[in-house]
Protein backbone atom coordinates (compact mmCIF):
# COMPACT_ATOMS: atom_id res chain seq x y z
CA MET A 1 -115.98 -102.23 -55.67
CA GLU A 2 -115.11 -98.55 -55.29
CA LYS A 3 -116.09 -95.73 -52.98
CA ARG A 4 -119.05 -93.66 -54.07
CA LYS A 5 -118.34 -90.20 -55.41
CA LEU A 6 -119.72 -87.54 -53.09
CA SER A 7 -121.33 -84.35 -54.27
CA TYR A 8 -119.72 -81.01 -53.57
CA TRP A 9 -122.24 -80.22 -50.83
CA GLN A 10 -121.89 -83.65 -49.27
CA ILE A 11 -118.18 -82.96 -48.89
CA TRP A 12 -119.01 -79.60 -47.32
CA SER A 13 -121.44 -81.02 -44.78
CA MET A 14 -119.04 -83.85 -43.95
CA SER A 15 -116.37 -81.32 -42.91
CA PHE A 16 -118.67 -78.63 -41.52
CA GLY A 17 -117.44 -79.27 -37.97
CA PHE A 18 -114.17 -77.62 -38.97
CA LEU A 19 -116.03 -74.30 -39.03
CA GLY A 20 -116.68 -74.51 -35.29
CA ILE A 21 -113.29 -76.03 -34.46
CA GLN A 22 -111.48 -73.23 -36.22
CA MET A 23 -113.75 -70.54 -34.80
CA GLY A 24 -112.70 -71.66 -31.33
CA PHE A 25 -109.10 -72.07 -32.44
CA ALA A 26 -109.09 -68.54 -33.90
CA LEU A 27 -110.47 -67.07 -30.66
CA GLN A 28 -107.64 -68.81 -28.85
CA ASN A 29 -104.93 -67.75 -31.32
CA ALA A 30 -105.96 -64.10 -31.53
CA ASN A 31 -106.73 -63.53 -27.85
CA ALA A 32 -104.92 -66.01 -25.59
CA SER A 33 -101.77 -63.89 -25.37
CA ARG A 34 -103.85 -60.82 -24.51
CA VAL A 35 -105.85 -62.72 -21.85
CA LEU A 36 -102.68 -64.15 -20.30
CA GLN A 37 -101.08 -60.69 -20.21
CA ILE A 38 -104.19 -59.28 -18.52
CA PHE A 39 -103.83 -62.04 -15.91
CA GLY A 40 -100.19 -61.07 -15.33
CA ALA A 41 -97.88 -62.68 -17.92
CA ASP A 42 -94.95 -60.65 -19.30
CA VAL A 43 -94.30 -60.56 -23.06
CA HIS A 44 -91.21 -62.78 -22.89
CA GLU A 45 -93.15 -65.36 -20.84
CA LEU A 46 -95.94 -65.81 -23.39
CA SER A 47 -94.25 -68.54 -25.42
CA TRP A 48 -93.73 -70.58 -22.24
CA PHE A 49 -97.47 -70.57 -21.54
CA TRP A 50 -98.18 -71.39 -25.17
CA ILE A 51 -95.98 -74.50 -24.96
CA ILE A 52 -99.03 -76.20 -23.46
CA ALA A 53 -100.76 -76.24 -26.85
CA PRO A 54 -98.17 -78.18 -28.89
CA LEU A 55 -97.44 -80.52 -25.98
CA MET A 56 -101.10 -81.53 -26.00
CA GLY A 57 -100.92 -82.14 -29.73
CA LEU A 58 -97.79 -84.23 -29.37
CA ILE A 59 -99.46 -86.50 -26.84
CA VAL A 60 -103.08 -86.53 -27.96
CA GLN A 61 -103.09 -86.73 -31.76
CA PRO A 62 -101.14 -89.99 -32.29
CA LEU A 63 -103.22 -91.66 -29.58
CA ILE A 64 -106.47 -90.43 -31.09
CA GLY A 65 -105.28 -91.47 -34.56
CA HIS A 66 -104.41 -94.95 -33.32
CA TYR A 67 -107.63 -95.52 -31.43
CA SER A 68 -109.84 -94.08 -34.16
CA ASP A 69 -108.14 -96.41 -36.66
CA ASN A 70 -108.93 -99.40 -34.46
CA THR A 71 -112.29 -98.44 -32.99
CA TRP A 72 -115.67 -99.18 -34.52
CA SER A 73 -118.97 -98.74 -32.75
CA ARG A 74 -122.57 -98.24 -33.73
CA PHE A 75 -121.81 -94.51 -33.63
CA GLY A 76 -119.02 -94.87 -36.18
CA ARG A 77 -115.24 -94.80 -36.33
CA ARG A 78 -114.27 -91.12 -36.19
CA LYS A 79 -117.52 -89.45 -35.07
CA PRO A 80 -117.31 -90.29 -31.33
CA PHE A 81 -113.99 -88.43 -31.20
CA PHE A 82 -115.51 -85.36 -32.91
CA LEU A 83 -118.18 -85.09 -30.24
CA LEU A 84 -115.88 -85.69 -27.26
CA GLY A 85 -113.42 -83.09 -28.50
CA ALA A 86 -116.18 -80.54 -29.11
CA VAL A 87 -117.64 -80.88 -25.62
CA LEU A 88 -114.28 -80.55 -23.86
CA ALA A 89 -113.14 -77.65 -26.06
CA SER A 90 -116.39 -75.80 -25.35
CA ILE A 91 -115.75 -76.06 -21.61
CA GLY A 92 -112.28 -74.57 -22.07
CA LEU A 93 -113.62 -71.76 -24.27
CA VAL A 94 -116.19 -70.72 -21.69
CA LEU A 95 -113.81 -70.79 -18.73
CA MET A 96 -110.52 -69.40 -20.08
CA PRO A 97 -111.41 -65.68 -20.22
CA GLN A 98 -113.27 -66.07 -16.92
CA ALA A 99 -110.38 -67.71 -15.09
CA ASN A 100 -110.40 -64.90 -12.53
CA LEU A 101 -113.68 -66.36 -11.18
CA LEU A 102 -111.71 -69.39 -9.99
CA THR A 103 -108.99 -67.58 -8.05
CA SER A 104 -110.05 -69.36 -4.84
CA ILE A 105 -108.52 -72.48 -6.40
CA LEU A 106 -105.44 -71.13 -8.21
CA PRO A 107 -104.14 -67.77 -9.43
CA SER A 108 -106.12 -66.66 -12.48
CA LEU A 109 -103.00 -66.82 -14.68
CA TRP A 110 -102.57 -70.53 -13.99
CA VAL A 111 -106.26 -71.26 -14.39
CA GLY A 112 -106.17 -69.46 -17.74
CA ALA A 113 -103.16 -71.50 -18.81
CA GLY A 114 -104.97 -74.67 -17.71
CA MET A 115 -107.99 -73.79 -19.85
CA LEU A 116 -105.61 -73.18 -22.76
CA MET A 117 -104.34 -76.73 -22.25
CA ILE A 118 -107.87 -78.18 -22.17
CA MET A 119 -108.87 -76.27 -25.29
CA ASP A 120 -105.91 -77.34 -27.33
CA ALA A 121 -106.07 -80.98 -26.27
CA SER A 122 -109.75 -80.99 -27.18
CA PHE A 123 -109.25 -79.30 -30.56
CA ASN A 124 -106.70 -82.03 -31.30
CA ILE A 125 -109.16 -84.77 -30.29
CA ALA A 126 -111.67 -83.39 -32.80
CA MET A 127 -109.35 -82.25 -35.57
CA GLU A 128 -107.22 -85.22 -36.64
CA PRO A 129 -110.15 -87.65 -37.02
CA PHE A 130 -111.61 -85.07 -39.43
CA ARG A 131 -108.39 -85.24 -41.45
CA ALA A 132 -108.52 -89.03 -41.46
CA LEU A 133 -112.20 -88.97 -42.44
CA VAL A 134 -111.27 -87.46 -45.81
CA GLY A 135 -108.93 -90.37 -46.47
CA ASP A 136 -111.55 -92.86 -45.28
CA THR A 137 -114.54 -91.49 -47.12
CA LEU A 138 -113.45 -89.82 -50.34
CA HIS A 139 -112.42 -91.46 -53.58
CA THR A 140 -108.75 -90.91 -54.45
CA ASP A 141 -109.43 -88.23 -57.05
CA GLN A 142 -111.60 -86.24 -54.61
CA ARG A 143 -109.07 -85.98 -51.79
CA THR A 144 -107.44 -82.73 -52.90
CA LEU A 145 -110.91 -81.23 -53.15
CA GLY A 146 -111.80 -82.64 -49.72
CA PHE A 147 -108.80 -81.08 -47.99
CA SER A 148 -109.39 -77.81 -49.84
CA VAL A 149 -113.00 -77.71 -48.64
CA GLN A 150 -111.74 -78.27 -45.09
CA THR A 151 -109.35 -75.37 -45.60
CA ALA A 152 -112.20 -73.14 -46.78
CA LEU A 153 -114.30 -74.01 -43.74
CA ILE A 154 -111.28 -73.45 -41.50
CA GLY A 155 -110.92 -70.02 -43.08
CA PHE A 156 -114.56 -69.03 -42.68
CA GLY A 157 -114.64 -70.24 -39.07
CA ALA A 158 -111.46 -68.37 -38.27
CA VAL A 159 -112.80 -65.16 -39.78
CA ILE A 160 -115.88 -65.32 -37.55
CA GLY A 161 -113.82 -66.13 -34.46
CA SER A 162 -111.16 -63.51 -35.13
CA TRP A 163 -113.58 -60.67 -35.89
CA LEU A 164 -116.16 -61.41 -33.21
CA PRO A 165 -114.61 -59.36 -30.34
CA TYR A 166 -114.18 -56.33 -32.64
CA VAL A 167 -117.75 -56.66 -33.95
CA LEU A 168 -119.23 -56.94 -30.46
CA THR A 169 -117.44 -53.76 -29.39
CA ASN A 170 -117.68 -51.56 -32.48
CA TRP A 171 -121.07 -52.65 -33.84
CA MET A 172 -122.92 -53.61 -30.65
CA GLY A 173 -121.28 -51.33 -28.10
CA ILE A 174 -120.07 -54.07 -25.74
CA SER A 175 -117.11 -52.95 -23.61
CA ASN A 176 -113.56 -54.04 -24.40
CA GLU A 177 -112.08 -52.56 -21.23
CA ALA A 178 -109.99 -54.76 -18.94
CA ILE A 179 -111.07 -53.76 -15.45
CA GLY A 180 -109.43 -55.00 -12.27
CA GLY A 181 -107.45 -57.81 -13.88
CA SER A 182 -110.52 -59.27 -15.63
CA ALA A 183 -110.85 -60.04 -19.34
CA PRO A 184 -113.02 -57.56 -21.30
CA LEU A 185 -116.69 -58.43 -21.66
CA ASN A 186 -116.42 -58.60 -25.45
CA LEU A 187 -113.88 -61.42 -25.10
CA VAL A 188 -115.96 -63.33 -22.54
CA LEU A 189 -119.05 -63.23 -24.78
CA SER A 190 -117.02 -64.10 -27.88
CA PHE A 191 -115.66 -67.26 -26.25
CA ILE A 192 -119.14 -68.32 -25.11
CA ILE A 193 -120.55 -67.83 -28.62
CA GLY A 194 -117.60 -69.78 -30.01
CA ALA A 195 -118.40 -72.71 -27.71
CA LEU A 196 -122.02 -72.83 -28.89
CA VAL A 197 -121.09 -72.69 -32.57
CA LEU A 198 -118.50 -75.43 -32.06
CA ILE A 199 -121.05 -77.86 -30.62
CA ALA A 200 -123.64 -77.05 -33.31
CA SER A 201 -121.26 -77.45 -36.27
CA ILE A 202 -119.86 -80.73 -34.98
CA LEU A 203 -123.40 -82.11 -34.65
CA ILE A 204 -124.12 -81.16 -38.27
CA SER A 205 -121.13 -83.22 -39.42
CA ILE A 206 -122.00 -86.14 -37.18
CA PHE A 207 -125.55 -86.39 -38.52
CA SER A 208 -124.66 -85.79 -42.18
CA VAL A 209 -121.78 -88.22 -42.78
CA ARG A 210 -121.96 -91.96 -43.27
CA GLU A 211 -118.72 -93.68 -42.36
CA TYR A 212 -117.54 -96.86 -44.05
CA SER A 213 -117.01 -99.80 -41.73
CA PRO A 214 -113.55 -101.46 -41.65
CA GLU A 215 -115.03 -104.37 -43.64
CA GLU A 216 -116.29 -102.02 -46.36
CA LEU A 217 -112.95 -100.22 -46.55
CA ALA A 218 -111.18 -103.53 -47.07
CA GLN A 219 -113.38 -104.29 -50.09
CA PHE A 220 -112.77 -101.11 -52.06
CA THR A 221 -110.63 -101.85 -55.10
CA ASP A 222 -109.07 -98.41 -55.17
CA GLU A 223 -107.97 -98.71 -51.56
CA LYS A 224 -106.70 -102.28 -52.00
CA ALA A 225 -104.65 -101.32 -55.03
CA HIS A 226 -103.35 -98.27 -53.21
CA ALA A 227 -102.32 -100.34 -50.21
CA GLU A 228 -100.59 -102.98 -52.35
CA ALA A 229 -98.68 -100.32 -54.25
CA LEU A 230 -97.33 -98.85 -51.04
CA GLN A 231 -96.67 -101.70 -48.66
CA LYS A 232 -98.21 -105.02 -47.72
CA GLU A 233 -99.72 -104.69 -44.28
CA ASP A 234 -99.28 -107.21 -41.51
CA GLU A 235 -102.69 -108.66 -40.63
CA LYS A 236 -102.07 -109.09 -36.90
CA PRO A 237 -104.15 -106.86 -34.59
CA SER A 238 -102.80 -103.34 -34.12
CA LYS A 239 -101.36 -102.44 -30.71
CA LEU A 240 -100.76 -99.07 -29.10
CA THR A 241 -97.00 -99.70 -29.13
CA ASP A 242 -97.22 -99.98 -32.92
CA ILE A 243 -97.18 -96.18 -32.98
CA PHE A 244 -93.41 -96.31 -32.37
CA THR A 245 -92.94 -98.92 -35.10
CA ASP A 246 -95.06 -96.87 -37.50
CA PHE A 247 -92.94 -93.82 -36.71
CA GLN A 248 -89.77 -95.69 -37.66
CA LYS A 249 -91.37 -97.02 -40.86
CA MET A 250 -92.91 -93.77 -42.05
CA PRO A 251 -92.83 -93.34 -45.85
CA THR A 252 -90.12 -91.31 -47.56
CA THR A 253 -92.62 -88.64 -48.57
CA MET A 254 -93.63 -88.19 -44.96
CA ARG A 255 -90.01 -87.80 -43.84
CA GLN A 256 -89.40 -85.16 -46.51
CA LEU A 257 -92.59 -83.29 -45.63
CA SER A 258 -91.57 -83.30 -41.96
CA TRP A 259 -88.93 -80.63 -42.61
CA VAL A 260 -91.36 -78.51 -44.58
CA GLN A 261 -93.83 -78.75 -41.72
CA PHE A 262 -91.15 -77.99 -39.14
CA PHE A 263 -90.25 -74.59 -40.57
CA SER A 264 -93.84 -73.75 -41.54
CA TRP A 265 -95.17 -74.30 -38.02
CA PHE A 266 -92.13 -72.78 -36.29
CA GLY A 267 -93.05 -69.61 -38.14
CA LEU A 268 -96.77 -69.88 -37.43
CA PHE A 269 -96.24 -70.33 -33.70
CA GLY A 270 -94.10 -67.21 -33.46
CA MET A 271 -96.72 -65.27 -35.39
CA TRP A 272 -99.60 -66.41 -33.16
CA VAL A 273 -97.76 -65.71 -29.89
CA PHE A 274 -96.14 -62.37 -30.67
CA THR A 275 -98.39 -60.52 -33.14
CA THR A 276 -100.43 -58.70 -30.49
CA PRO A 277 -97.43 -57.32 -28.52
CA ALA A 278 -95.58 -56.67 -31.80
CA VAL A 279 -98.42 -54.62 -33.27
CA ALA A 280 -99.05 -52.80 -29.98
CA HIS A 281 -95.39 -51.82 -29.61
CA HIS A 282 -94.18 -51.40 -33.22
CA ILE A 283 -97.33 -50.02 -34.88
CA TYR A 284 -99.29 -48.42 -32.02
CA HIS A 285 -96.04 -47.26 -30.31
CA LEU A 286 -97.18 -48.40 -26.86
CA PRO A 287 -94.74 -49.19 -24.03
CA ILE A 288 -93.59 -52.81 -23.94
CA ASN A 289 -95.10 -53.42 -20.49
CA ASP A 290 -98.50 -51.91 -21.38
CA HIS A 291 -101.15 -54.62 -21.51
CA GLU A 292 -104.18 -53.16 -19.73
CA SER A 293 -104.66 -49.72 -21.31
CA GLN A 294 -107.54 -48.94 -23.65
CA ALA A 295 -105.04 -48.44 -26.47
CA TYR A 296 -103.64 -51.94 -25.92
CA GLN A 297 -107.14 -53.45 -26.02
CA ASN A 298 -107.80 -51.59 -29.27
CA ALA A 299 -104.57 -53.00 -30.67
CA GLY A 300 -105.64 -56.48 -29.57
CA ASP A 301 -109.03 -56.11 -31.25
CA TRP A 302 -107.29 -54.95 -34.44
CA VAL A 303 -105.06 -58.02 -34.37
CA GLY A 304 -108.27 -60.06 -34.33
CA ILE A 305 -109.37 -58.25 -37.49
CA LEU A 306 -105.98 -58.92 -39.10
CA PHE A 307 -106.16 -62.61 -38.20
CA GLY A 308 -109.64 -62.72 -39.67
CA ILE A 309 -108.35 -61.20 -42.91
CA TYR A 310 -105.65 -63.81 -43.42
CA ASN A 311 -108.17 -66.53 -42.70
CA LEU A 312 -110.70 -65.02 -45.11
CA VAL A 313 -108.06 -64.90 -47.82
CA SER A 314 -107.16 -68.51 -47.08
CA ALA A 315 -110.81 -69.55 -47.41
CA ILE A 316 -111.07 -67.89 -50.82
CA TYR A 317 -107.68 -69.12 -52.01
CA ALA A 318 -108.61 -72.66 -50.93
CA PHE A 319 -111.16 -72.80 -53.76
CA ALA A 320 -108.40 -72.12 -56.27
CA LEU A 321 -105.84 -74.54 -54.83
CA PRO A 322 -107.12 -77.72 -56.56
CA TYR A 323 -107.05 -75.97 -59.94
CA ILE A 324 -103.61 -74.44 -59.40
CA ALA A 325 -102.24 -77.77 -58.20
CA LYS A 326 -103.72 -79.45 -61.27
CA LYS A 327 -101.80 -77.06 -63.52
CA ILE A 328 -98.40 -76.80 -61.82
CA GLY A 329 -98.38 -79.64 -59.27
CA ARG A 330 -98.89 -79.64 -55.53
CA LYS A 331 -95.23 -79.15 -54.62
CA LEU A 332 -94.75 -76.00 -56.69
CA THR A 333 -98.13 -74.68 -55.52
CA HIS A 334 -97.08 -75.10 -51.90
CA SER A 335 -93.62 -73.62 -52.44
CA ILE A 336 -94.94 -70.48 -54.11
CA SER A 337 -97.63 -70.05 -51.46
CA LEU A 338 -95.10 -70.33 -48.61
CA THR A 339 -92.83 -67.78 -50.30
CA ILE A 340 -95.69 -65.30 -50.57
CA GLY A 341 -96.57 -65.82 -46.90
CA GLY A 342 -92.97 -65.35 -45.80
CA ILE A 343 -92.82 -62.04 -47.63
CA GLY A 344 -96.05 -61.04 -45.92
CA LEU A 345 -94.71 -61.66 -42.42
CA ILE A 346 -91.44 -59.83 -43.08
CA SER A 347 -93.33 -56.89 -44.59
CA MET A 348 -95.03 -56.18 -41.24
CA TYR A 349 -91.82 -54.52 -40.05
CA PHE A 350 -92.00 -51.95 -42.86
CA MET A 351 -95.69 -51.03 -42.73
CA PRO A 352 -96.31 -47.39 -41.72
CA ASP A 353 -99.58 -47.93 -39.85
CA GLU A 354 -102.09 -50.57 -38.80
CA ASN A 355 -104.13 -50.34 -42.01
CA TRP A 356 -101.17 -51.33 -44.17
CA LEU A 357 -100.92 -54.54 -42.16
CA ILE A 358 -103.97 -55.73 -44.10
CA LEU A 359 -101.70 -56.25 -47.11
CA SER A 360 -99.33 -58.36 -45.01
CA MET A 361 -102.25 -60.50 -43.89
CA VAL A 362 -103.47 -61.01 -47.47
CA LEU A 363 -100.08 -62.48 -48.35
CA LEU A 364 -100.04 -64.58 -45.18
CA GLY A 365 -103.49 -65.96 -45.98
CA ILE A 366 -102.20 -67.50 -49.20
CA ALA A 367 -99.57 -69.46 -47.27
CA TRP A 368 -102.02 -70.47 -44.54
CA ALA A 369 -104.44 -72.00 -47.06
CA SER A 370 -101.68 -74.06 -48.60
CA ILE A 371 -100.27 -75.17 -45.23
CA LEU A 372 -103.68 -76.51 -44.24
CA SER A 373 -104.24 -78.55 -47.40
CA MET A 374 -101.27 -79.29 -49.66
CA PRO A 375 -99.13 -81.28 -47.18
CA TYR A 376 -102.12 -83.44 -46.23
CA ALA A 377 -103.11 -84.01 -49.85
CA ILE A 378 -99.54 -85.10 -50.63
CA LEU A 379 -99.33 -87.26 -47.52
CA ALA A 380 -102.67 -89.03 -48.09
CA GLY A 381 -101.31 -90.52 -51.30
CA ALA A 382 -98.23 -91.93 -49.57
CA ILE A 383 -99.75 -93.88 -46.68
CA THR A 384 -101.86 -97.02 -46.53
CA PRO A 385 -105.58 -96.73 -45.72
CA LYS A 386 -105.22 -99.03 -42.70
CA LYS A 387 -102.81 -96.55 -41.08
CA MET A 388 -104.51 -93.33 -42.21
CA GLY A 389 -105.46 -92.16 -38.70
CA VAL A 390 -102.24 -93.03 -36.90
CA TYR A 391 -100.02 -91.55 -39.62
CA MET A 392 -102.08 -88.36 -39.65
CA GLY A 393 -101.47 -88.28 -35.88
CA ILE A 394 -97.75 -88.98 -36.23
CA PHE A 395 -97.58 -86.29 -38.92
CA ASN A 396 -98.71 -83.91 -36.21
CA PHE A 397 -95.34 -84.48 -34.50
CA PHE A 398 -93.85 -82.24 -37.17
CA ILE A 399 -96.39 -79.57 -36.36
CA VAL A 400 -96.04 -79.59 -32.58
CA ILE A 401 -92.29 -80.21 -32.19
CA PRO A 402 -91.32 -76.92 -33.91
CA GLN A 403 -93.90 -75.13 -31.78
CA ILE A 404 -92.44 -76.63 -28.62
CA ILE A 405 -88.94 -75.56 -29.67
CA ASN A 406 -90.18 -72.05 -30.46
CA ALA A 407 -92.02 -71.96 -27.14
CA ILE A 408 -88.81 -72.82 -25.27
CA ILE A 409 -86.42 -70.51 -27.10
CA GLY A 410 -88.78 -67.84 -28.42
CA GLY A 411 -89.25 -66.02 -25.13
CA PRO A 412 -85.53 -65.78 -24.26
CA ILE A 413 -84.74 -64.69 -27.83
CA VAL A 414 -87.32 -61.91 -27.65
CA GLN A 415 -86.11 -60.87 -24.19
CA TYR A 416 -82.34 -60.98 -24.64
CA LEU A 417 -81.70 -60.76 -28.39
CA TYR A 418 -84.65 -58.62 -29.48
CA HIS A 419 -84.88 -56.67 -26.19
CA ASP A 420 -88.63 -57.37 -25.87
CA ASN A 421 -89.27 -55.95 -29.36
CA ALA A 422 -91.60 -58.68 -30.61
CA ILE A 423 -91.71 -57.43 -34.22
CA TYR A 424 -88.39 -59.21 -34.83
CA ALA A 425 -90.03 -62.50 -33.87
CA LEU A 426 -92.41 -61.96 -36.79
CA ILE A 427 -89.48 -61.38 -39.15
CA THR A 428 -87.98 -64.65 -37.90
CA SER A 429 -91.27 -66.36 -38.71
CA GLY A 430 -91.17 -64.98 -42.23
CA VAL A 431 -87.65 -66.30 -42.81
CA SER A 432 -88.79 -69.69 -41.50
CA PHE A 433 -91.54 -69.74 -44.16
CA LEU A 434 -88.98 -69.05 -46.88
CA ILE A 435 -86.83 -71.99 -45.72
CA ALA A 436 -89.91 -74.25 -45.83
CA ALA A 437 -90.63 -73.08 -49.38
CA ILE A 438 -87.18 -74.19 -50.50
CA LEU A 439 -87.50 -77.59 -48.81
CA VAL A 440 -90.79 -78.41 -50.58
CA VAL A 441 -88.91 -78.86 -53.83
CA ARG A 442 -87.24 -82.08 -52.66
CA VAL A 443 -90.49 -83.80 -51.56
CA LYS A 444 -91.58 -86.89 -53.52
CA ASP A 445 -95.28 -86.62 -54.33
CA VAL A 446 -96.39 -90.24 -54.81
CA ASP A 447 -99.97 -89.58 -55.83
CA ASP A 448 -100.23 -86.11 -57.33
CA VAL A 449 -103.79 -86.41 -58.61
CA LYS A 450 -104.39 -84.12 -61.58
CA THR A 451 -108.16 -84.30 -61.71
CA ILE A 452 -110.91 -83.32 -59.32
CA ALA A 453 -114.58 -84.19 -59.38
């Protein structure tokens, strides 16, 4: 008995919730630093506030992976986690840019940081079960396609989220002025729209996907053969403390990928945190401590456009990834993509004006598409189906740990080494990508599938 082959559009509808997740995530990435600065954070403090996000991932994702592996209800295995994460993330999206309304409880800066924590924890609750769902539901030779489709949806969602504040201001005339320590109206409305889209897209996935029960998964010949080829599983019931044992017993491929992920996400975190102040200071030539002027808000809106461009490129490039990987292998595909992205980040220092930054973002988008799909496609072939969720959660350690490290040291480095000139943090991110590209070469790809449906 084998898993049924899904049509292309079935795979799309199964992962459609990623559109809403990434729309909310893009609103957070492009605008959280600006919102926190409006509420009073200095540029060198931004990474300390952003540490909340990876800390939530470090705690939440392994737990969600473990419980979704070992939970089955009439609503399914992964789907209840999608819905819970979507509801909580929507609350955070609505409240974060309106944190000043809650100043009777706490200062608006701390309320905003708290909403950032809720949003990121909730995105994690929804996101990793989606990753595991590909491993659960798709036949082995459709997994690369499945992760690539997720990457495309991530890209499209991020484009919408990143461009929305700019569109509301420049096409619909909604104000982007920060008045009296409040977030601009275009940001407030963008976050509310993002919350609505998140809920709607998650519901589409929930109602369109049929999950296999644990008993059905155990009967599939492709999964049984895969499990036997990797490692014979102990049949005793899984416990929460098994997460630590699973961490110690992680496959060789996963250990090798951990270093690739470390430098990839160290670079991404620096880019997300410091692009807005870097562009405002280095490209728009604004004072370092300027974060409320109209020019700064224009720079912030333009960063949203730039983030949308790299996500749009990633969505398009995601369609080509399965075919490129089929020709040259997943490792080489990922290495080349990371190299191109590293060059893109470093090039931002040399661009003469904001329009030239579009080229930098095109190069970055190629790396982003590969980061979101190739490591997971490689990993899915190296872990047993029974542990798919928990290992996807543990794999997140190597995404959040580098972000935590960057959050701790990034601010002091920008303050004391770079003298608050955030553009050098982006160069550091580019170099980090190049290191990751070199490390991909030593990864053992156990199941480099050469065909797609």
